[in-house]
């Protein structure tokens, strides 16, 4: 395997994986913190229902949650 891919190829692939794992960790941590935030928790159920009913777009609901998360 090493001969077919080469040491540089393996190192490059590992670096790409490490970068992807880093961003995955950032995303998972942010989502966890967002879901725990008191203001977001207050809004989430209502926003989910609005999205399901077609009264709000997913993007608009997400913006409202992020604004609450950031205290705006």
Protein backbone atom coordinates (compact mmCIF):
# COMPACT_ATOMS: atom_id res chain seq x y z
CA UNK A 1 0.00 0.00 0.00
CA UNK A 2 2.73 2.46 0.94
CA UNK A 3 4.51 1.86 -2.32
CA UNK A 4 1.35 2.41 -4.35
CA UNK A 5 0.35 5.64 -2.62
CA UNK A 6 3.71 6.95 -1.52
CA UNK A 7 4.70 8.51 1.77
CA UNK A 8 3.80 12.01 0.60
CA UNK A 9 0.36 10.83 -0.46
CA UNK A 10 -0.25 9.21 2.91
CA UNK A 11 0.95 12.29 4.77
CA UNK A 12 -1.23 14.54 2.62
CA UNK A 13 -4.27 12.31 3.21
CA UNK A 14 -3.66 12.31 6.98
CA UNK A 15 -3.36 16.09 6.97
CA UNK A 16 -6.64 16.39 5.05
CA UNK A 17 -8.34 14.02 7.51
CA UNK A 18 -7.00 15.98 10.49
CA UNK A 19 -8.31 19.23 9.02
CA UNK A 20 -11.72 17.67 8.34
CA UNK A 21 -11.88 16.21 11.85
CA UNK A 22 -11.00 19.62 13.32
CA UNK A 23 -13.89 21.31 11.49
CA UNK A 24 -16.21 18.45 12.36
CA UNK A 25 -15.34 18.95 16.04
CA UNK A 26 -15.96 22.69 15.74
CA UNK A 27 -19.35 22.06 14.14
CA UNK A 28 -20.42 19.46 16.69
CA UNK A 29 -19.33 21.64 19.62
CA UNK A 30 -21.07 24.73 18.27
CA UNK A 31 -24.29 22.81 17.61
CA UNK A 32 -24.20 21.35 21.11
CA UNK A 33 -23.68 24.80 22.66
CA UNK A 34 -26.40 26.29 20.46
CA UNK A 35 -28.92 23.66 21.55
CA UNK A 36 -28.07 24.24 25.23
CA UNK A 37 -28.44 28.03 25.04
CA UNK A 38 -31.47 29.18 27.10
CA UNK A 39 -32.80 31.67 24.52
CA UNK A 40 -32.36 29.24 21.65
CA UNK A 41 -34.15 26.54 23.65
CA UNK A 42 -37.09 28.92 24.14
CA UNK A 43 -37.31 29.62 20.41
CA UNK A 44 -36.50 26.21 18.94
CA UNK A 45 -39.85 24.45 19.29
CA UNK A 46 -41.83 27.34 17.87
CA UNK A 47 -39.41 27.84 15.01
CA UNK A 48 -39.50 24.14 14.16
CA UNK A 49 -43.30 24.30 13.99
CA UNK A 50 -43.15 27.45 11.82
CA UNK A 51 -40.77 25.73 9.40
CA UNK A 52 -42.90 22.58 9.29
CA UNK A 53 -46.01 24.67 8.59
CA UNK A 54 -44.26 26.67 5.87
CA UNK A 55 -44.58 29.91 7.86
CA UNK A 56 -40.81 30.40 8.05
CA UNK A 57 -37.99 29.24 5.84
CA UNK A 58 -35.31 27.03 7.38
CA UNK A 59 -32.76 29.78 6.69
CA UNK A 60 -34.85 32.45 8.44
CA UNK A 61 -35.44 30.20 11.44
CA UNK A 62 -31.73 29.40 11.64
CA UNK A 63 -30.88 33.12 11.52
CA UNK A 64 -33.29 33.80 14.38
CA UNK A 65 -31.69 31.05 16.48
CA UNK A 66 -28.21 32.35 15.73
CA UNK A 67 -29.24 35.89 16.62
CA UNK A 68 -30.57 34.61 19.97
CA UNK A 69 -27.34 32.66 20.49
CA UNK A 70 -25.30 35.81 19.87
CA UNK A 71 -27.56 37.91 22.09
CA UNK A 72 -28.99 40.14 19.35
